Amino acid sequence: ANATLGVSMACAKVSSLALGIPLYRYLGGAH
């Protein structure tokens, strides 16, 4: 799980960075 989780979280982080939106908004949406 320490292998899978690090990659899973990093994918979310890099996506939020690339889109230029905060991580909480990327994960949770506009509300």
PDB file of all heavy atoms in Angstrom:
ATOM      1  N   ALA A   1       0.825  -1.206   0.000  1.00  0.00           N
ATOM      2  CA  ALA A   1       0.000   0.000   0.000  1.00  0.00           C
ATOM      3  C   ALA A   1       0.858   1.254   0.000  1.00  0.00           C
ATOM      4  O   ALA A   1       0.440   2.301  -0.501  1.00  0.00           O
ATOM      5  CB  ALA A   1      -0.927   0.000   1.222  1.00  0.00           C
ATOM      6  N   ASN A   2       2.068   1.171   0.566  1.00  0.00           N
ATOM      7  CA  ASN A   2       2.977   2.322   0.545  1.00  0.00           C
ATOM      8  C   ASN A   2       3.497   2.593  -0.864  1.00  0.00           C
ATOM      9  O   ASN A   2       3.858   3.734  -1.176  1.00  0.00           O
ATOM     10  CB  ASN A   2       4.136   2.138   1.536  1.00  0.00           C
ATOM     11  CG  ASN A   2       4.764   0.753   1.512  1.00  0.00           C
ATOM     12  OD1 ASN A   2       4.283  -0.176   0.870  1.00  0.00           O
ATOM     13  ND2 ASN A   2       5.848   0.588   2.266  1.00  0.00           N
ATOM     14  N   ALA A   3       3.502   1.594  -1.722  1.00  0.00           N
ATOM     15  CA  ALA A   3       3.881   1.792  -3.126  1.00  0.00           C
ATOM     16  C   ALA A   3       2.724   2.381  -3.926  1.00  0.00           C
ATOM     17  O   ALA A   3       2.883   3.370  -4.644  1.00  0.00           O
ATOM     18  CB  ALA A   3       4.323   0.466  -3.742  1.00  0.00           C
ATOM     19  N   THR A   4       1.543   1.795  -3.777  1.00  0.00           N
ATOM     20  CA  THR A   4       0.393   2.250  -4.571  1.00  0.00           C
ATOM     21  C   THR A   4      -0.071   3.641  -4.157  1.00  0.00           C
ATOM     22  O   THR A   4      -0.401   4.471  -4.999  1.00  0.00           O
ATOM     23  CB  THR A   4      -0.784   1.262  -4.446  1.00  0.00           C
ATOM     24  OG1 THR A   4      -1.193   1.143  -3.075  1.00  0.00           O
ATOM     25  CG2 THR A   4      -0.399  -0.107  -4.998  1.00  0.00           C
ATOM     26  N   LEU A   5      -0.090   3.916  -2.848  1.00  0.00           N
ATOM     27  CA  LEU A   5      -0.645   5.186  -2.379  1.00  0.00           C
ATOM     28  C   LEU A   5       0.191   6.377  -2.810  1.00  0.00           C
ATOM     29  O   LEU A   5      -0.348   7.405  -3.234  1.00  0.00           O
ATOM     30  CB  LEU A   5      -0.787   5.189  -0.859  1.00  0.00           C
ATOM     31  CG  LEU A   5      -1.342   6.495  -0.290  1.00  0.00           C
ATOM     32  CD1 LEU A   5      -2.753   6.764  -0.788  1.00  0.00           C
ATOM     33  CD2 LEU A   5      -1.307   6.505   1.226  1.00  0.00           C
ATOM     34  N   GLY A   6       1.518   6.252  -2.707  1.00  0.00           N
ATOM     35  CA  GLY A   6       2.383   7.369  -3.097  1.00  0.00           C
ATOM     36  C   GLY A   6       2.139   7.786  -4.531  1.00  0.00           C
ATOM     37  O   GLY A   6       2.067   8.978  -4.855  1.00  0.00           O
ATOM     38  N   VAL A   7       1.990   6.808  -5.404  1.00  0.00           N
ATOM     39  CA  VAL A   7       1.748   7.090  -6.815  1.00  0.00           C
ATOM     40  C   VAL A   7       0.354   7.672  -7.010  1.00  0.00           C
ATOM     41  O   VAL A   7       0.154   8.626  -7.765  1.00  0.00           O
ATOM     42  CB  VAL A   7       1.939   5.815  -7.658  1.00  0.00           C
ATOM     43  CG1 VAL A   7       1.537   6.069  -9.114  1.00  0.00           C
ATOM     44  CG2 VAL A   7       3.386   5.341  -7.576  1.00  0.00           C
ATOM     45  N   SER A   8      -0.624   7.114  -6.329  1.00  0.00           N
ATOM     46  CA  SER A   8      -2.004   7.602  -6.431  1.00  0.00           C
ATOM     47  C   SER A   8      -2.097   9.067  -6.030  1.00  0.00           C
ATOM     48  O   SER A   8      -2.696   9.891  -6.730  1.00  0.00           O
ATOM     49  CB  SER A   8      -2.924   6.744  -5.557  1.00  0.00           C
ATOM     50  OG  SER A   8      -4.260   7.185  -5.627  1.00  0.00           O
ATOM     51  N   MET A   9      -1.496   9.425  -4.898  1.00  0.00           N
ATOM     52  CA  MET A   9      -1.519  10.814  -4.435  1.00  0.00           C
ATOM     53  C   MET A   9      -0.731  11.722  -5.368  1.00  0.00           C
ATOM     54  O   MET A   9      -1.152  12.852  -5.650  1.00  0.00           O
ATOM     55  CB  MET A   9      -0.957  10.902  -3.007  1.00  0.00           C
ATOM     56  CG  MET A   9      -1.814  10.263  -1.943  1.00  0.00           C
ATOM     57  SD  MET A   9      -1.353  10.767  -0.247  1.00  0.00           S
ATOM     58  CE  MET A   9       0.361  10.282  -0.158  1.00  0.00           C
ATOM     59  N   ALA A  10       0.402  11.247  -5.857  1.00  0.00           N
ATOM     60  CA  ALA A  10       1.228  12.063  -6.757  1.00  0.00           C
ATOM     61  C   ALA A  10       0.493  12.374  -8.058  1.00  0.00           C
ATOM     62  O   ALA A  10       0.642  13.463  -8.619  1.00  0.00           O
ATOM     63  CB  ALA A  10       2.552  11.361  -7.036  1.00  0.00           C
ATOM     64  N   CYS A  11      -0.310  11.417  -8.545  1.00  0.00           N
ATOM     65  CA  CYS A  11      -1.101  11.661  -9.762  1.00  0.00           C
ATOM     66  C   CYS A  11      -2.122  12.780  -9.533  1.00  0.00           C
ATOM     67  O   CYS A  11      -2.313  13.646 -10.394  1.00  0.00           O
ATOM     68  CB  CYS A  11      -1.813  10.381 -10.193  1.00  0.00           C
ATOM     69  SG  CYS A  11      -0.732   9.169 -11.001  1.00  0.00           S
ATOM     70  N   ALA A  12      -2.778  12.756  -8.388  1.00  0.00           N
ATOM     71  CA  ALA A  12      -3.735  13.818  -8.059  1.00  0.00           C
ATOM     72  C   ALA A  12      -3.034  15.164  -7.943  1.00  0.00           C
ATOM     73  O   ALA A  12      -3.518  16.191  -8.428  1.00  0.00           O
ATOM     74  CB  ALA A  12      -4.468  13.481  -6.759  1.00  0.00           C
ATOM     75  N   LYS A  13      -1.878  15.156  -7.305  1.00  0.00           N
ATOM     76  CA  LYS A  13      -1.129  16.404  -7.111  1.00  0.00           C
ATOM     77  C   LYS A  13      -0.655  16.996  -8.439  1.00  0.00           C
ATOM     78  O   LYS A  13      -0.778  18.205  -8.680  1.00  0.00           O
ATOM     79  CB  LYS A  13       0.073  16.152  -6.193  1.00  0.00           C
ATOM     80  CG  LYS A  13      -0.284  16.056  -4.723  1.00  0.00           C
ATOM     81  CD  LYS A  13       0.992  16.049  -3.889  1.00  0.00           C
ATOM     82  CE  LYS A  13       0.709  16.183  -2.416  1.00  0.00           C
ATOM     83  NZ  LYS A  13       1.971  16.308  -1.628  1.00  0.00           N
ATOM     84  N   VAL A  14      -0.096  16.150  -9.291  1.00  0.00           N
ATOM     85  CA  VAL A  14       0.437  16.672 -10.548  1.00  0.00           C
ATOM     86  C   VAL A  14      -0.698  17.172 -11.447  1.00  0.00           C
ATOM     87  O   VAL A  14      -0.534  18.149 -12.185  1.00  0.00           O
ATOM     88  CB  VAL A  14       1.310  15.619 -11.273  1.00  0.00           C
ATOM     89  CG1 VAL A  14       0.465  14.526 -11.937  1.00  0.00           C
ATOM     90  CG2 VAL A  14       2.203  16.290 -12.305  1.00  0.00           C
ATOM     91  N   SER A  15      -1.850  16.540 -11.361  1.00  0.00           N
ATOM     92  CA  SER A  15      -2.996  16.988 -12.157  1.00  0.00           C
ATOM     93  C   SER A  15      -3.479  18.362 -11.705  1.00  0.00           C
ATOM     94  O   SER A  15      -3.774  19.236 -12.533  1.00  0.00           O
ATOM     95  CB  SER A  15      -4.133  15.972 -12.050  1.00  0.00           C
ATOM     96  OG  SER A  15      -3.759  14.727 -12.615  1.00  0.00           O
ATOM     97  N   SER A  16      -3.546  18.566 -10.405  1.00  0.00           N
ATOM     98  CA  SER A  16      -3.972  19.875  -9.903  1.00  0.00           C
ATOM     99  C   SER A  16      -2.966  20.955 -10.280  1.00  0.00           C
ATOM    100  O   SER A  16      -3.346  22.077 -10.625  1.00  0.00           O
ATOM    101  CB  SER A  16      -4.180  19.827  -8.384  1.00  0.00           C
ATOM    102  OG  SER A  16      -2.959  19.779  -7.681  1.00  0.00           O
ATOM    103  N   LEU A  17      -1.680  20.615 -10.236  1.00  0.00           N
ATOM    104  CA  LEU A  17      -0.639  21.571 -10.637  1.00  0.00           C
ATOM    105  C   LEU A  17      -0.767  21.927 -12.107  1.00  0.00           C
ATOM    106  O   LEU A  17      -0.685  23.099 -12.494  1.00  0.00           O
ATOM    107  CB  LEU A  17       0.748  20.969 -10.363  1.00  0.00           C
ATOM    108  CG  LEU A  17       1.227  20.912  -8.910  1.00  0.00           C
ATOM    109  CD1 LEU A  17       2.505  20.076  -8.809  1.00  0.00           C
ATOM    110  CD2 LEU A  17       1.478  22.319  -8.379  1.00  0.00           C
ATOM    111  N   ALA A  18      -0.964  20.915 -12.937  1.00  0.00           N
ATOM    112  CA  ALA A  18      -1.037  21.135 -14.378  1.00  0.00           C
ATOM    113  C   ALA A  18      -2.258  21.963 -14.766  1.00  0.00           C
ATOM    114  O   ALA A  18      -2.212  22.770 -15.702  1.00  0.00           O
ATOM    115  CB  ALA A  18      -1.050  19.797 -15.110  1.00  0.00           C
ATOM    116  N   LEU A  19      -3.362  21.751 -14.052  1.00  0.00           N
ATOM    117  CA  LEU A  19      -4.586  22.500 -14.330  1.00  0.00           C
ATOM    118  C   LEU A  19      -4.593  23.879 -13.682  1.00  0.00           C
ATOM    119  O   LEU A  19      -5.458  24.711 -13.980  1.00  0.00           O
ATOM    120  CB  LEU A  19      -5.807  21.712 -13.872  1.00  0.00           C
ATOM    121  CG  LEU A  19      -6.068  20.377 -14.574  1.00  0.00           C
ATOM    122  CD1 LEU A  19      -7.276  19.684 -13.969  1.00  0.00           C
ATOM    123  CD2 LEU A  19      -6.250  20.553 -16.076  1.00  0.00           C
ATOM    124  N   GLY A  20      -3.657  24.097 -12.753  1.00  0.00           N
ATOM    125  CA  GLY A  20      -3.576  25.398 -12.087  1.00  0.00           C
ATOM    126  C   GLY A  20      -4.688  25.650 -11.102  1.00  0.00           C
ATOM    127  O   GLY A  20      -5.099  26.786 -10.876  1.00  0.00           O
ATOM    128  N   ILE A  21      -5.195  24.566 -10.471  1.00  0.00           N
ATOM    129  CA  ILE A  21      -6.242  24.715  -9.460  1.00  0.00           C
ATOM    130  C   ILE A  21      -5.776  24.059  -8.165  1.00  0.00           C
ATOM    131  O   ILE A  21      -4.968  23.122  -8.189  1.00  0.00           O
ATOM    132  CB  ILE A  21      -7.595  24.115  -9.908  1.00  0.00           C
ATOM    133  CG1 ILE A  21      -7.454  22.611 -10.213  1.00  0.00           C
ATOM    134  CG2 ILE A  21      -8.139  24.859 -11.106  1.00  0.00           C
ATOM    135  CD1 ILE A  21      -8.787  21.948 -10.556  1.00  0.00           C
ATOM    136  N   PRO A  22      -6.253  24.532  -7.018  1.00  0.00           N
ATOM    137  CA  PRO A  22      -5.837  23.945  -5.744  1.00  0.00           C
ATOM    138  C   PRO A  22      -6.209  22.467  -5.668  1.00  0.00           C
ATOM    139  O   PRO A  22      -7.210  22.035  -6.249  1.00  0.00           O
ATOM    140  CB  PRO A  22      -6.603  24.754  -4.702  1.00  0.00           C
ATOM    141  CG  PRO A  22      -7.041  25.997  -5.400  1.00  0.00           C
ATOM    142  CD  PRO A  22      -7.217  25.645  -6.829  1.00  0.00           C
ATOM    143  N   LEU A  23      -5.423  21.708  -4.926  1.00  0.00           N
ATOM    144  CA  LEU A  23      -5.658  20.273  -4.808  1.00  0.00           C
ATOM    145  C   LEU A  23      -7.035  19.970  -4.228  1.00  0.00           C
ATOM    146  O   LEU A  23      -7.727  19.058  -4.694  1.00  0.00           O
ATOM    147  CB  LEU A  23      -4.565  19.632  -3.949  1.00  0.00           C
ATOM    148  CG  LEU A  23      -4.652  18.121  -3.716  1.00  0.00           C
ATOM    149  CD1 LEU A  23      -4.627  17.355  -5.027  1.00  0.00           C
ATOM    150  CD2 LEU A  23      -3.513  17.656  -2.800  1.00  0.00           C
ATOM    151  N   TYR A  24      -7.462  20.737  -3.212  1.00  0.00           N
ATOM    152  CA  TYR A  24      -8.764  20.469  -2.606  1.00  0.00           C
ATOM    153  C   TYR A  24      -9.893  20.649  -3.618  1.00  0.00           C
ATOM    154  O   TYR A  24     -10.884  19.911  -3.590  1.00  0.00           O
ATOM    155  CB  TYR A  24      -8.987  21.349  -1.364  1.00  0.00           C
ATOM    156  CG  TYR A  24      -9.072  22.843  -1.621  1.00  0.00           C
ATOM    157  CD1 TYR A  24     -10.278  23.453  -1.937  1.00  0.00           C
ATOM    158  CD2 TYR A  24      -7.934  23.631  -1.540  1.00  0.00           C
ATOM    159  CE1 TYR A  24     -10.339  24.824  -2.178  1.00  0.00           C
ATOM    160  CE2 TYR A  24      -7.992  25.000  -1.771  1.00  0.00           C
ATOM    161  CZ  TYR A  24      -9.192  25.587  -2.090  1.00  0.00           C
ATOM    162  OH  TYR A  24      -9.256  26.944  -2.330  1.00  0.00           O
ATOM    163  N   ARG A  25      -9.744  21.610  -4.523  1.00  0.00           N
ATOM    164  CA  ARG A  25     -10.777  21.835  -5.537  1.00  0.00           C
ATOM    165  C   ARG A  25     -10.713  20.777  -6.632  1.00  0.00           C
ATOM    166  O   ARG A  25     -11.746  20.341  -7.148  1.00  0.00           O
ATOM    167  CB  ARG A  25     -10.620  23.235  -6.130  1.00  0.00           C
ATOM    168  CG  ARG A  25     -11.786  23.658  -7.017  1.00  0.00           C
ATOM    169  CD  ARG A  25     -11.846  25.159  -7.185  1.00  0.00           C
ATOM    170  NE  ARG A  25     -12.256  25.820  -5.950  1.00  0.00           N
ATOM    171  CZ  ARG A  25     -11.817  26.990  -5.545  1.00  0.00           C
ATOM    172  NH1 ARG A  25     -10.920  27.632  -6.250  1.00  0.00           N
ATOM    173  NH2 ARG A  25     -12.252  27.509  -4.415  1.00  0.00           N
ATOM    174  N   TYR A  26      -9.503  20.347  -6.967  1.00  0.00           N
ATOM    175  CA  TYR A  26      -9.359  19.280  -7.949  1.00  0.00           C
ATOM    176  C   TYR A  26     -10.027  18.002  -7.451  1.00  0.00           C
ATOM    177  O   TYR A  26     -10.720  17.317  -8.196  1.00  0.00           O
ATOM    178  CB  TYR A  26      -7.879  19.023  -8.256  1.00  0.00           C
ATOM    179  CG  TYR A  26      -7.669  17.842  -9.182  1.00  0.00           C
ATOM    180  CD1 TYR A  26      -7.955  17.945 -10.535  1.00  0.00           C
ATOM    181  CD2 TYR A  26      -7.219  16.621  -8.692  1.00  0.00           C
ATOM    182  CE1 TYR A  26      -7.793  16.852 -11.384  1.00  0.00           C
ATOM    183  CE2 TYR A  26      -7.052  15.528  -9.526  1.00  0.00           C
ATOM    184  CZ  TYR A  26      -7.339  15.652 -10.873  1.00  0.00           C
ATOM    185  OH  TYR A  26      -7.190  14.566 -11.711  1.00  0.00           O
ATOM    186  N   LEU A  27      -9.824  17.688  -6.183  1.00  0.00           N
ATOM    187  CA  LEU A  27     -10.389  16.465  -5.617  1.00  0.00           C
ATOM    188  C   LEU A  27     -11.890  16.573  -5.339  1.00  0.00           C
ATOM    189  O   LEU A  27     -12.626  15.604  -5.486  1.00  0.00           O
ATOM    190  CB  LEU A  27      -9.673  16.115  -4.306  1.00  0.00           C
ATOM    191  CG  LEU A  27      -8.215  15.671  -4.397  1.00  0.00           C
ATOM    192  CD1 LEU A  27      -7.608  15.575  -2.994  1.00  0.00           C
ATOM    193  CD2 LEU A  27      -8.085  14.330  -5.109  1.00  0.00           C
ATOM    194  N   GLY A  28     -12.333  17.765  -4.937  1.00  0.00           N
ATOM    195  CA  GLY A  28     -13.696  17.895  -4.439  1.00  0.00           C
ATOM    196  C   GLY A  28     -14.664  18.684  -5.289  1.00  0.00           C
ATOM    197  O   GLY A  28     -15.877  18.647  -5.054  1.00  0.00           O
ATOM    198  N   GLY A  29     -14.177  19.444  -6.257  1.00  0.00           N
ATOM    199  CA  GLY A  29     -15.065  20.216  -7.103  1.00  0.00           C
ATOM    200  C   GLY A  29     -15.281  21.644  -6.617  1.00  0.00           C
ATOM    201  O   GLY A  29     -14.600  22.127  -5.698  1.00  0.00           O
ATOM    202  N   ALA A  30     -16.264  22.294  -7.210  1.00  0.00           N
ATOM    203  CA  ALA A  30     -16.449  23.732  -7.016  1.00  0.00           C
ATOM    204  C   ALA A  30     -17.088  24.105  -5.677  1.00  0.00           C
ATOM    205  O   ALA A  30     -17.017  25.250  -5.254  1.00  0.00           O
ATOM    206  CB  ALA A  30     -17.306  24.291  -8.154  1.00  0.00           C
ATOM    207  N   HIS A  31     -17.725  23.142  -5.018  1.00  0.00           N
ATOM    208  CA  HIS A  31     -18.493  23.474  -3.821  1.00  0.00           C
ATOM    209  C   HIS A  31     -17.765  23.127  -2.522  1.00  0.00           C
ATOM    210  O   HIS A  31     -18.387  22.991  -1.475  1.00  0.00           O
ATOM    211  CB  HIS A  31     -19.856  22.785  -3.860  1.00  0.00           C
ATOM    212  CG  HIS A  31     -20.679  23.190  -5.039  1.00  0.00           C
ATOM    213  ND1 HIS A  31     -21.224  24.448  -5.171  1.00  0.00           N
ATOM    214  CD2 HIS A  31     -21.014  22.508  -6.169  1.00  0.00           C
ATOM    215  CE1 HIS A  31     -21.878  24.523  -6.320  1.00  0.00           C
ATOM    216  NE2 HIS A  31     -21.765  23.365  -6.947  1.00  0.00           N
TER     217      HIS A  31
END
